[in-house]
Amino acid sequence: MSPSNLASTALFCKNLIPLMLVLQYVIPFSIARVKESIKLISNFFLMSSEIFAKQFKPLYLPTK
């Protein structure tokens, strides 16, 4: 490896370390946010389907 390649590799690694540190904190946070929003959306659909079922219950009840 020539000295210029070695120097550019060292510089690249030096720039990569802060990026890795940032990603280490950003990635879990964003995953948590995505999970939270999925949970909120699924709760919303669950609630709206329950409300829908309550409104239209007489239609689905068997007639005696």
N, C-alpha and C. Protein backbone atom coordinates (compact mmCIF):
# COMPACT_ATOMS: atom_id res chain seq x y z
N MET A 1 0.86 -1.20 0.00
CA MET A 1 0.00 0.00 0.00
C MET A 1 0.89 1.24 0.00
N SER A 2 0.63 2.16 -0.91
CA SER A 2 1.44 3.37 -0.98
C SER A 2 1.06 4.32 0.17
N PRO A 3 1.98 5.22 0.54
CA PRO A 3 1.70 6.15 1.67
C PRO A 3 0.46 7.00 1.45
N SER A 4 0.17 7.38 0.18
CA SER A 4 -1.01 8.22 -0.06
C SER A 4 -2.29 7.41 0.17
N ASN A 5 -2.28 6.14 -0.23
CA ASN A 5 -3.44 5.27 0.03
C ASN A 5 -3.65 5.09 1.51
N LEU A 6 -2.53 4.92 2.22
CA LEU A 6 -2.60 4.71 3.67
C LEU A 6 -3.17 5.96 4.34
N ALA A 7 -2.72 7.13 3.88
CA ALA A 7 -3.17 8.40 4.47
C ALA A 7 -4.67 8.60 4.19
N SER A 8 -5.11 8.30 2.99
CA SER A 8 -6.52 8.49 2.67
C SER A 8 -7.38 7.49 3.43
N THR A 9 -6.87 6.28 3.62
CA THR A 9 -7.60 5.28 4.41
C THR A 9 -7.73 5.73 5.86
N ALA A 10 -6.63 6.27 6.40
CA ALA A 10 -6.64 6.76 7.78
C ALA A 10 -7.63 7.91 7.93
N LEU A 11 -7.64 8.80 6.95
CA LEU A 11 -8.57 9.94 6.98
C LEU A 11 -10.01 9.46 6.89
N PHE A 12 -10.24 8.47 6.04
CA PHE A 12 -11.58 7.90 5.88
C PHE A 12 -12.05 7.28 7.19
N CYS A 13 -11.17 6.53 7.84
CA CYS A 13 -11.53 5.91 9.12
C CYS A 13 -11.78 6.97 10.19
N LYS A 14 -10.96 8.02 10.15
CA LYS A 14 -11.12 9.11 11.13
C LYS A 14 -12.48 9.79 10.96
N ASN A 15 -12.93 9.91 9.71
CA ASN A 15 -14.24 10.51 9.44
C ASN A 15 -15.37 9.54 9.71
N LEU A 16 -15.08 8.26 9.63
CA LEU A 16 -16.11 7.24 9.81
C LEU A 16 -16.49 7.07 11.27
N ILE A 17 -15.54 7.24 12.16
CA ILE A 17 -15.79 7.00 13.59
C ILE A 17 -16.92 7.89 14.14
N PRO A 18 -16.90 9.21 13.91
CA PRO A 18 -18.04 10.02 14.42
C PRO A 18 -19.36 9.61 13.80
N LEU A 19 -19.32 9.22 12.53
CA LEU A 19 -20.53 8.78 11.84
C LEU A 19 -21.08 7.53 12.50
N MET A 20 -20.20 6.59 12.82
CA MET A 20 -20.63 5.36 13.50
C MET A 20 -21.22 5.68 14.86
N LEU A 21 -20.61 6.63 15.57
CA LEU A 21 -21.12 7.01 16.89
C LEU A 21 -22.50 7.64 16.78
N VAL A 22 -22.68 8.46 15.76
CA VAL A 22 -23.98 9.10 15.55
C VAL A 22 -25.03 8.05 15.20
N LEU A 23 -24.68 7.15 14.28
CA LEU A 23 -25.62 6.11 13.85
C LEU A 23 -26.00 5.18 14.99
N GLN A 24 -25.04 4.96 15.89
CA GLN A 24 -25.28 4.10 17.05
C GLN A 24 -26.44 4.63 17.89
N TYR A 25 -26.58 5.96 17.94
CA TYR A 25 -27.68 6.56 18.72
C TYR A 25 -28.91 6.83 17.87
N VAL A 26 -28.73 7.13 16.59
CA VAL A 26 -29.86 7.50 15.74
C VAL A 26 -30.69 6.28 15.34
N ILE A 27 -30.02 5.19 14.98
CA ILE A 27 -30.74 4.02 14.46
C ILE A 27 -31.71 3.43 15.49
N PRO A 28 -31.28 3.15 16.74
CA PRO A 28 -32.25 2.60 17.70
C PRO A 28 -33.40 3.57 17.97
N PHE A 29 -33.09 4.86 17.99
CA PHE A 29 -34.12 5.87 18.24
C PHE A 29 -35.16 5.85 17.13
N SER A 30 -34.69 5.80 15.88
CA SER A 30 -35.63 5.81 14.75
C SER A 30 -36.43 4.52 14.70
N ILE A 31 -35.80 3.39 15.05
CA ILE A 31 -36.53 2.12 15.10
C ILE A 31 -37.63 2.20 16.16
N ALA A 32 -37.29 2.79 17.31
CA ALA A 32 -38.29 2.93 18.38
C ALA A 32 -39.45 3.81 17.91
N ARG A 33 -39.12 4.88 17.19
CA ARG A 33 -40.17 5.77 16.68
C ARG A 33 -41.08 5.04 15.70
N VAL A 34 -40.47 4.24 14.81
CA VAL A 34 -41.25 3.49 13.82
C VAL A 34 -42.17 2.49 14.52
N LYS A 35 -41.63 1.78 15.52
CA LYS A 35 -42.44 0.82 16.27
C LYS A 35 -43.60 1.52 16.96
N GLU A 36 -43.32 2.70 17.53
CA GLU A 36 -44.34 3.46 18.24
C GLU A 36 -45.44 3.90 17.27
N SER A 37 -45.04 4.38 16.10
CA SER A 37 -46.05 4.84 15.14
C SER A 37 -46.87 3.67 14.60
N ILE A 38 -46.23 2.50 14.41
CA ILE A 38 -46.97 1.31 13.97
C ILE A 38 -48.00 0.92 15.03
N LYS A 39 -47.57 1.00 16.30
CA LYS A 39 -48.48 0.66 17.39
C LYS A 39 -49.66 1.64 17.42
N LEU A 40 -49.38 2.93 17.24
CA LEU A 40 -50.45 3.93 17.23
C LEU A 40 -51.43 3.69 16.09
N ILE A 41 -50.89 3.40 14.91
CA ILE A 41 -51.74 3.18 13.74
C ILE A 41 -52.59 1.93 13.94
N SER A 42 -51.99 0.86 14.46
CA SER A 42 -52.77 -0.37 14.67
C SER A 42 -53.83 -0.16 15.74
N ASN A 43 -53.51 0.62 16.78
CA ASN A 43 -54.51 0.93 17.80
C ASN A 43 -55.66 1.73 17.21
N PHE A 44 -55.32 2.67 16.33
CA PHE A 44 -56.34 3.48 15.69
C PHE A 44 -57.29 2.60 14.87
N PHE A 45 -56.72 1.67 14.08
CA PHE A 45 -57.55 0.79 13.27
C PHE A 45 -58.38 -0.13 14.14
N LEU A 46 -57.80 -0.58 15.24
CA LEU A 46 -58.54 -1.45 16.15
C LEU A 46 -59.73 -0.71 16.75
N MET A 47 -59.49 0.52 17.19
CA MET A 47 -60.57 1.32 17.77
C MET A 47 -61.64 1.62 16.74
N SER A 48 -61.22 2.02 15.54
CA SER A 48 -62.21 2.37 14.52
C SER A 48 -63.01 1.14 14.09
N SER A 49 -62.37 -0.03 14.06
CA SER A 49 -63.13 -1.23 13.70
C SER A 49 -64.10 -1.62 14.81
N GLU A 50 -63.73 -1.38 16.07
CA GLU A 50 -64.65 -1.64 17.18
C GLU A 50 -65.85 -0.71 17.12
N ILE A 51 -65.59 0.57 16.83
CA ILE A 51 -66.68 1.55 16.71
C ILE A 51 -67.59 1.16 15.55
N PHE A 52 -66.98 0.78 14.44
CA PHE A 52 -67.73 0.35 13.25
C PHE A 52 -68.61 -0.85 13.60
N ALA A 53 -68.03 -1.81 14.32
CA ALA A 53 -68.78 -3.02 14.69
C ALA A 53 -69.94 -2.68 15.62
N LYS A 54 -69.71 -1.71 16.54
CA LYS A 54 -70.79 -1.33 17.46
C LYS A 54 -71.92 -0.64 16.72
N GLN A 55 -71.57 0.20 15.74
CA GLN A 55 -72.60 0.94 14.99
C GLN A 55 -73.45 0.00 14.16
N PHE A 56 -72.84 -1.02 13.58
CA PHE A 56 -73.55 -1.87 12.64
C PHE A 56 -73.88 -3.24 13.23
N LYS A 57 -73.86 -3.35 14.53
CA LYS A 57 -74.13 -4.63 15.18
C LYS A 57 -75.50 -5.22 14.80
N PRO A 58 -76.57 -4.42 14.76
CA PRO A 58 -77.88 -5.01 14.42
C PRO A 58 -77.89 -5.69 13.06
N LEU A 59 -77.05 -5.23 12.12
CA LEU A 59 -77.02 -5.84 10.80
C LEU A 59 -76.45 -7.25 10.85
N TYR A 60 -75.51 -7.48 11.79
CA TYR A 60 -74.82 -8.76 11.82
C TYR A 60 -75.44 -9.74 12.82
N LEU A 61 -76.38 -9.28 13.63
CA LEU A 61 -77.00 -10.18 14.60
C LEU A 61 -77.98 -11.11 13.88
N PRO A 62 -77.96 -12.38 14.21
CA PRO A 62 -78.91 -13.30 13.55
C PRO A 62 -80.33 -12.99 14.00
N THR A 63 -81.25 -12.99 13.08
CA THR A 63 -82.65 -12.70 13.41
C THR A 63 -83.33 -13.96 13.91
N LYS A 64 -84.11 -13.79 14.97
CA LYS A 64 -84.79 -14.96 15.55
C LYS A 64 -86.29 -14.84 15.32
